Protein backbone atom coordinates (compact mmCIF):
# COMPACT_ATOMS: atom_id res chain seq x y z
CA MET A 1 -9.81 42.03 -26.32
CA LYS A 2 -11.58 38.68 -26.24
CA ILE A 3 -11.56 37.22 -29.74
CA PHE A 4 -13.19 34.10 -31.13
CA LEU A 5 -11.24 32.77 -34.14
CA ALA A 6 -13.38 30.30 -36.06
CA GLY A 7 -11.11 28.23 -38.28
CA ALA A 8 -7.76 28.58 -36.54
CA THR A 9 -5.92 25.78 -38.31
CA GLY A 10 -6.52 26.71 -41.95
CA ALA A 11 -4.02 28.53 -44.13
CA ILE A 12 -4.80 32.01 -42.83
CA GLY A 13 -5.84 30.94 -39.33
CA LYS A 14 -2.43 29.42 -38.63
CA GLN A 15 -0.74 32.71 -39.53
CA LEU A 16 -3.30 34.92 -37.80
CA LEU A 17 -3.44 33.09 -34.46
CA PRO A 18 0.08 33.95 -33.24
CA MET A 19 -0.39 37.54 -34.41
CA LEU A 20 -3.52 37.87 -32.29
CA VAL A 21 -1.82 36.39 -29.25
CA SER A 22 1.27 38.58 -29.70
CA ALA A 23 -0.98 41.63 -29.88
CA GLY A 24 -2.21 40.83 -26.37
CA HIS A 25 -5.67 39.50 -27.20
CA THR A 26 -7.35 36.66 -25.34
CA VAL A 27 -8.11 34.22 -28.14
CA THR A 28 -10.45 31.27 -28.23
CA ALA A 29 -9.60 29.36 -31.39
CA THR A 30 -11.62 26.57 -32.98
CA THR A 31 -10.80 23.51 -35.01
CA GLN A 32 -12.71 20.39 -36.00
CA HIS A 33 -9.55 18.27 -35.80
CA PRO A 34 -8.69 16.83 -32.35
CA ASP A 35 -5.04 16.37 -33.36
CA LYS A 36 -4.67 20.13 -33.91
CA MET A 37 -5.80 21.20 -30.46
CA ARG A 38 -2.28 21.05 -29.07
CA SER A 39 -0.88 23.42 -31.70
CA ILE A 40 -3.55 25.99 -30.79
CA HIS A 41 -2.67 25.69 -27.11
CA SER A 42 1.03 25.98 -27.89
CA ALA A 43 0.34 29.23 -29.74
CA GLY A 44 -1.08 30.70 -26.54
CA ALA A 45 -4.78 30.45 -27.33
CA ILE A 46 -7.68 28.56 -25.78
CA PRO A 47 -8.42 25.59 -28.07
CA MET A 48 -12.00 24.52 -28.68
CA LEU A 49 -13.18 21.53 -30.70
CA VAL A 50 -16.25 22.66 -32.63
CA ASN A 51 -18.30 21.32 -35.50
CA ALA A 52 -19.02 24.61 -37.27
CA LEU A 53 -22.02 23.09 -39.03
CA ASP A 54 -23.73 22.21 -35.75
CA LYS A 55 -25.79 25.22 -34.65
CA GLU A 56 -25.93 24.19 -31.00
CA GLU A 57 -22.21 23.50 -30.78
CA VAL A 58 -21.42 26.88 -32.29
CA LEU A 59 -23.74 28.69 -29.90
CA ALA A 60 -22.32 26.86 -26.88
CA ALA A 61 -18.75 27.65 -27.93
CA VAL A 62 -19.44 31.34 -28.49
CA GLU A 63 -21.39 31.59 -25.23
CA LYS A 64 -18.44 30.08 -23.36
CA ALA A 65 -15.91 32.42 -24.97
CA HIS A 66 -18.20 35.48 -24.85
CA PRO A 67 -16.04 37.37 -27.38
CA GLU A 68 -16.04 41.02 -28.30
CA ILE A 69 -14.97 40.09 -31.82
CA ILE A 70 -15.58 37.02 -33.98
CA ILE A 71 -13.26 36.29 -36.92
CA HIS A 72 -14.73 33.88 -39.46
CA GLN A 73 -11.99 31.99 -41.34
CA LEU A 74 -13.83 28.69 -41.79
CA THR A 75 -12.96 26.78 -44.97
CA ALA A 76 -12.51 23.15 -46.01
CA ILE A 77 -10.79 23.35 -49.39
CA PRO A 78 -9.31 20.01 -50.53
CA ALA A 79 -5.54 19.69 -50.67
CA ASN A 80 -5.85 18.58 -54.30
CA LEU A 81 -8.64 20.75 -55.65
CA ASN A 82 -9.92 19.67 -59.07
CA LEU A 83 -10.90 22.77 -61.04
CA ARG A 84 -12.95 20.63 -63.39
CA HIS A 85 -15.29 19.97 -60.47
CA PHE A 86 -15.02 23.31 -58.72
CA ASP A 87 -18.33 23.37 -56.84
CA GLU A 88 -17.82 19.79 -55.72
CA GLY A 89 -14.43 20.68 -54.25
CA PHE A 90 -15.89 23.69 -52.46
CA SER A 91 -19.05 21.94 -51.25
CA VAL A 92 -18.14 21.90 -47.55
CA THR A 93 -16.63 25.38 -47.69
CA ASN A 94 -19.85 26.60 -49.28
CA ARG A 95 -21.81 25.21 -46.35
CA LEU A 96 -19.43 26.91 -43.95
CA ARG A 97 -20.04 30.19 -45.77
CA THR A 98 -23.81 29.80 -45.64
CA GLU A 99 -24.91 27.70 -42.66
CA GLY A 100 -21.69 28.32 -40.75
CA THR A 101 -21.94 32.07 -41.21
CA ASP A 102 -25.57 32.11 -40.08
CA TYR A 103 -24.75 30.09 -36.96
CA LEU A 104 -21.85 32.35 -36.02
CA LEU A 105 -23.91 35.50 -36.54
CA ALA A 106 -26.78 34.12 -34.48
CA ALA A 107 -24.36 33.27 -31.67
CA ALA A 108 -22.77 36.72 -31.96
CA ARG A 109 -26.15 38.36 -31.53
CA ALA A 110 -26.95 36.14 -28.57
CA VAL A 111 -23.86 37.16 -26.58
CA GLY A 112 -23.61 40.76 -27.74
CA THR A 113 -20.47 40.46 -29.87
CA ARG A 114 -19.48 43.91 -31.11
CA ARG A 115 -17.61 43.14 -34.35
CA PHE A 116 -17.65 40.34 -36.94
CA ILE A 117 -14.83 39.91 -39.50
CA ALA A 118 -15.36 37.44 -42.36
CA GLN A 119 -13.27 36.01 -45.17
CA SER A 120 -14.31 36.48 -48.79
CA TYR A 121 -12.61 36.38 -52.19
CA ALA A 122 -11.67 39.14 -54.63
CA GLY A 123 -11.84 37.03 -57.81
CA TRP A 124 -15.56 37.17 -58.51
CA TYR A 125 -15.81 40.60 -60.16
CA ALA A 126 -17.69 40.84 -63.47
CA ARG A 127 -15.49 40.39 -66.55
CA THR A 128 -16.65 43.69 -68.02
CA GLY A 129 -15.35 47.23 -68.09
CA ASP A 130 -11.90 48.18 -66.89
CA TRP A 131 -9.53 45.51 -65.56
CA THR A 132 -9.20 47.41 -62.31
CA LYS A 133 -11.99 46.64 -59.86
CA ALA A 134 -12.96 48.37 -56.63
CA GLU A 135 -15.28 47.18 -53.89
CA ASP A 136 -18.38 48.76 -55.39
CA ASP A 137 -17.94 47.15 -58.83
CA PRO A 138 -20.48 44.42 -59.70
CA LEU A 139 -19.80 40.72 -59.35
CA ILE A 140 -20.41 38.08 -62.02
CA SER A 141 -24.11 37.64 -62.65
CA SER A 142 -24.20 35.27 -65.63
CA GLY A 143 -22.10 33.06 -67.90
CA ILE A 144 -20.77 30.79 -65.17
CA SER A 145 -21.58 27.09 -64.88
CA ASP A 146 -19.46 25.12 -62.45
CA GLY A 147 -18.61 27.63 -59.71
CA ARG A 148 -22.08 29.14 -59.42
CA LYS A 149 -22.74 27.53 -56.04
CA THR A 150 -19.41 28.77 -54.74
CA LEU A 151 -20.12 32.30 -55.92
CA ASP A 152 -23.58 32.18 -54.34
CA ALA A 153 -22.06 31.05 -51.03
CA THR A 154 -19.57 33.91 -51.18
CA ILE A 155 -22.38 36.38 -51.83
CA HIS A 156 -24.28 34.91 -48.88
CA VAL A 157 -21.48 35.49 -46.37
CA GLU A 158 -20.93 39.03 -47.63
CA THR A 159 -24.61 39.96 -47.56
CA ALA A 160 -25.27 38.36 -44.18
CA VAL A 161 -22.35 40.13 -42.50
CA LEU A 162 -22.79 43.53 -44.10
CA THR A 163 -26.54 43.72 -43.50
CA GLU A 164 -26.31 42.67 -39.86
CA LYS A 165 -27.55 45.75 -38.01
CA ALA A 166 -26.56 44.81 -34.47
CA ILE A 167 -22.89 44.12 -35.23
CA GLU A 168 -20.01 45.98 -36.92
CA GLY A 169 -19.46 43.89 -40.02
CA PHE A 170 -16.20 43.65 -41.95
CA VAL A 171 -15.84 41.53 -45.10
CA LEU A 172 -12.31 41.05 -46.41
CA ARG A 173 -12.07 40.08 -50.07
CA TYR A 174 -8.64 38.50 -50.17
CA GLY A 175 -6.70 38.08 -53.39
CA SER A 176 -5.39 34.65 -54.39
CA PHE A 177 -3.23 33.33 -51.55
CA TYR A 178 0.38 32.29 -51.87
CA GLY A 179 2.90 31.27 -49.26
CA PRO A 180 2.95 28.56 -46.55
CA GLY A 181 -0.14 26.40 -46.33
CA THR A 182 -1.68 27.70 -49.58
CA SER A 183 -2.07 26.19 -53.04
CA LEU A 184 1.00 28.17 -54.11
CA ALA A 185 3.48 26.50 -51.77
CA PRO A 186 5.90 23.62 -52.43
CA GLY A 187 3.99 20.35 -52.70
CA ALA A 188 0.58 22.01 -53.13
CA TRP A 189 -1.59 21.29 -56.16
CA PHE A 190 -1.27 24.64 -57.94
CA PHE A 191 2.44 25.03 -57.25
CA GLU A 192 3.21 21.53 -58.52
CA GLY A 193 0.85 21.98 -61.46
CA ILE A 194 2.95 24.93 -62.63
CA ARG A 195 6.17 23.00 -62.19
CA GLN A 196 4.76 20.06 -64.16
CA ARG A 197 3.36 22.27 -66.94
CA ARG A 198 -0.25 21.33 -66.17
CA VAL A 199 -1.33 24.98 -65.86
CA PRO A 200 -1.68 26.47 -69.36
CA ILE A 201 -1.99 29.96 -70.70
CA VAL A 202 -5.47 29.99 -72.25
CA GLY A 203 -5.98 32.19 -75.29
CA GLU A 204 -4.02 35.40 -74.88
CA GLY A 205 -3.69 34.92 -71.14
CA SER A 206 -5.17 38.35 -70.63
CA GLY A 207 -6.93 37.55 -67.36
CA HIS A 208 -5.44 39.63 -64.56
CA TRP A 209 -4.90 38.13 -61.11
CA SER A 210 -4.50 39.88 -57.78
CA PHE A 211 -2.46 37.98 -55.22
CA ILE A 212 -1.84 38.33 -51.51
CA HIS A 213 0.82 36.63 -49.39
CA ILE A 214 -0.81 34.67 -46.59
CA ASP A 215 1.15 36.63 -43.95
CA ASP A 216 -0.09 39.92 -45.38
CA ALA A 217 -3.67 38.64 -45.44
CA ALA A 218 -3.34 37.73 -41.77
CA ALA A 219 -1.82 41.14 -40.97
CA ALA A 220 -4.72 42.91 -42.69
CA THR A 221 -7.17 40.82 -40.69
CA LEU A 222 -5.38 41.77 -37.48
CA ALA A 223 -5.59 45.44 -38.49
CA ALA A 224 -9.35 45.12 -39.05
CA ILE A 225 -9.78 44.54 -35.32
CA ASN A 226 -9.10 48.19 -34.61
CA ALA A 227 -10.26 49.71 -37.89
CA SER A 228 -12.80 52.51 -37.55
CA THR A 229 -15.06 51.94 -40.56
CA PRO A 230 -16.97 48.68 -41.06
CA GLY A 231 -17.59 47.54 -44.61
CA LEU A 232 -16.23 45.64 -47.59
CA TYR A 233 -12.51 45.68 -48.38
CA ASN A 234 -10.31 44.28 -51.15
CA ILE A 235 -7.17 42.85 -49.57
CA THR A 236 -4.68 42.34 -52.40
CA ASP A 237 -1.18 43.29 -53.42
CA ASP A 238 -0.71 46.38 -55.56
CA GLU A 239 0.78 44.68 -58.63
CA PRO A 240 -1.94 42.71 -60.45
CA ALA A 241 -0.66 41.07 -63.61
CA PRO A 242 -2.06 39.13 -66.57
CA VAL A 243 -1.60 35.37 -66.70
CA SER A 244 0.60 35.83 -69.78
CA VAL A 245 3.09 37.66 -67.55
CA TRP A 246 2.96 36.13 -64.08
CA LEU A 247 2.61 32.46 -65.08
CA PRO A 248 5.75 32.24 -67.30
CA TYR A 249 7.69 34.32 -64.77
CA LEU A 250 6.68 32.11 -61.87
CA ALA A 251 7.51 28.97 -63.87
CA GLU A 252 10.96 30.42 -64.51
CA VAL A 253 11.44 31.23 -60.82
CA LEU A 254 10.49 27.62 -59.97
CA GLY A 255 12.97 26.26 -62.50
CA ALA A 256 10.18 24.82 -64.67
CA LYS A 257 9.70 24.88 -68.41
CA ALA A 258 7.56 27.61 -69.90
CA PRO A 259 3.82 26.90 -69.56
CA ARG A 260 1.95 25.39 -72.46
CA ARG A 261 -0.56 27.46 -74.41
CA ALA A 262 -4.10 26.35 -75.13
CA PRO A 263 -6.61 28.01 -77.49
CA LYS A 264 -9.93 29.00 -75.98
CA TRP A 265 -11.86 26.45 -78.00
CA LEU A 266 -9.75 23.58 -76.66
CA ALA A 267 -10.00 24.86 -73.10
CA ALA A 268 -13.77 25.04 -73.54
CA ILE A 269 -13.85 21.34 -74.39
CA ARG A 270 -11.47 20.15 -71.69
CA SER A 271 -12.54 22.29 -68.77
CA ARG A 272 -15.52 24.16 -67.42
CA ARG A 273 -16.35 27.83 -67.52
CA VAL A 274 -14.88 28.77 -64.16
CA ARG A 275 -11.46 27.29 -64.97
CA ARG A 276 -11.26 28.87 -68.43
CA GLY A 277 -12.19 32.24 -67.00
CA CYS A 278 -9.44 32.05 -64.40
CA TYR A 279 -6.74 32.09 -67.04
CA ASP A 280 -8.17 34.33 -69.73
CA GLU A 281 -10.81 36.62 -68.22
CA THR A 282 -10.24 37.21 -64.52
CA SER A 283 -10.48 40.87 -63.52
CA ARG A 284 -7.76 42.38 -61.41
CA CYS A 285 -8.47 44.15 -58.15
CA VAL A 286 -7.20 47.22 -56.40
CA GLN A 287 -7.62 47.98 -52.74
CA PRO A 288 -8.58 51.64 -52.39
CA GLN A 289 -10.45 51.02 -49.15
CA SER A 290 -7.93 48.64 -47.60
CA GLN A 291 -5.79 51.61 -46.69
CA VAL A 292 -8.52 52.44 -44.18
CA ILE A 293 -7.57 49.18 -42.46
CA ALA A 294 -3.79 49.27 -42.88
CA PRO A 295 -1.10 50.64 -45.25
CA LEU A 296 -0.48 47.21 -46.70
CA ASP A 297 1.80 47.97 -49.60
CA ALA A 298 4.66 48.92 -47.28
CA GLU A 299 4.95 45.32 -46.12
CA MET A 300 3.73 43.09 -48.93
CA ALA A 301 5.95 40.48 -50.44
CA ASP A 302 5.79 40.06 -54.20
CA LEU A 303 4.77 36.77 -55.76
CA ALA A 304 8.24 35.66 -56.77
CA THR A 305 9.89 36.23 -53.39
CA GLY A 306 6.85 35.09 -51.44
CA VAL A 307 6.64 31.69 -53.09
């Protein structure tokens, strides 16, 4: 099939591109970085330099590729994300998830693209009820300060794709990435923060996280190409764990000292609501519908071996 991969040089795009080519698809892959065009060509795809926030450029690129399927993996997350200024760090990514999504969907309609697959995130479920969350559980609606714009942008991409009547829409809510090219890889900000004891356990550390190895996220995206039922899917591993468990364990695996502990009141002073919630209130996810896409748990790496 002819596939248009928007965002081919990000963390998931770099893993997904060779999978698409190996599966026999004709892939047009975009980047905004001229120095990354060669790597796309070397992977066997057609490279295209595109400013994803330029409506006319996006339309021209999609018209030239004339794809059956568009895969939206556009992000611009800083290499050293500062969680104290979460929305600021995600400002460009938020535009890519609002304006960029709208431009891609408009182009898809113009050329008659059949299917649209978009990236989302599984960490925005409401911190109420059971820890286990499925796709139809509500998202956060209040009590968030810094991070609100990022949540709104995530809601925008999901709503725009899933309400598009002319196209088969798939939204993949990935768990927190780990592995090559992610924040949980050697040298990356989160990985090094754990090693340097800059990531604390806040309160009881009861917030549950759902992770996904970047290779498994890419494999699930590949599987969505031939999946029969459009819709919203959690794409996570099947072993969510509270921060009080996974953070000390991961620190031990990395040869670091045990993480510090911080009371909620101190975390409230030193950081904003979104950061505090990550370590003490995050709801875990399950992926009951992801089995419609692919039997993921047969292949998934666990956090310790994957990092």
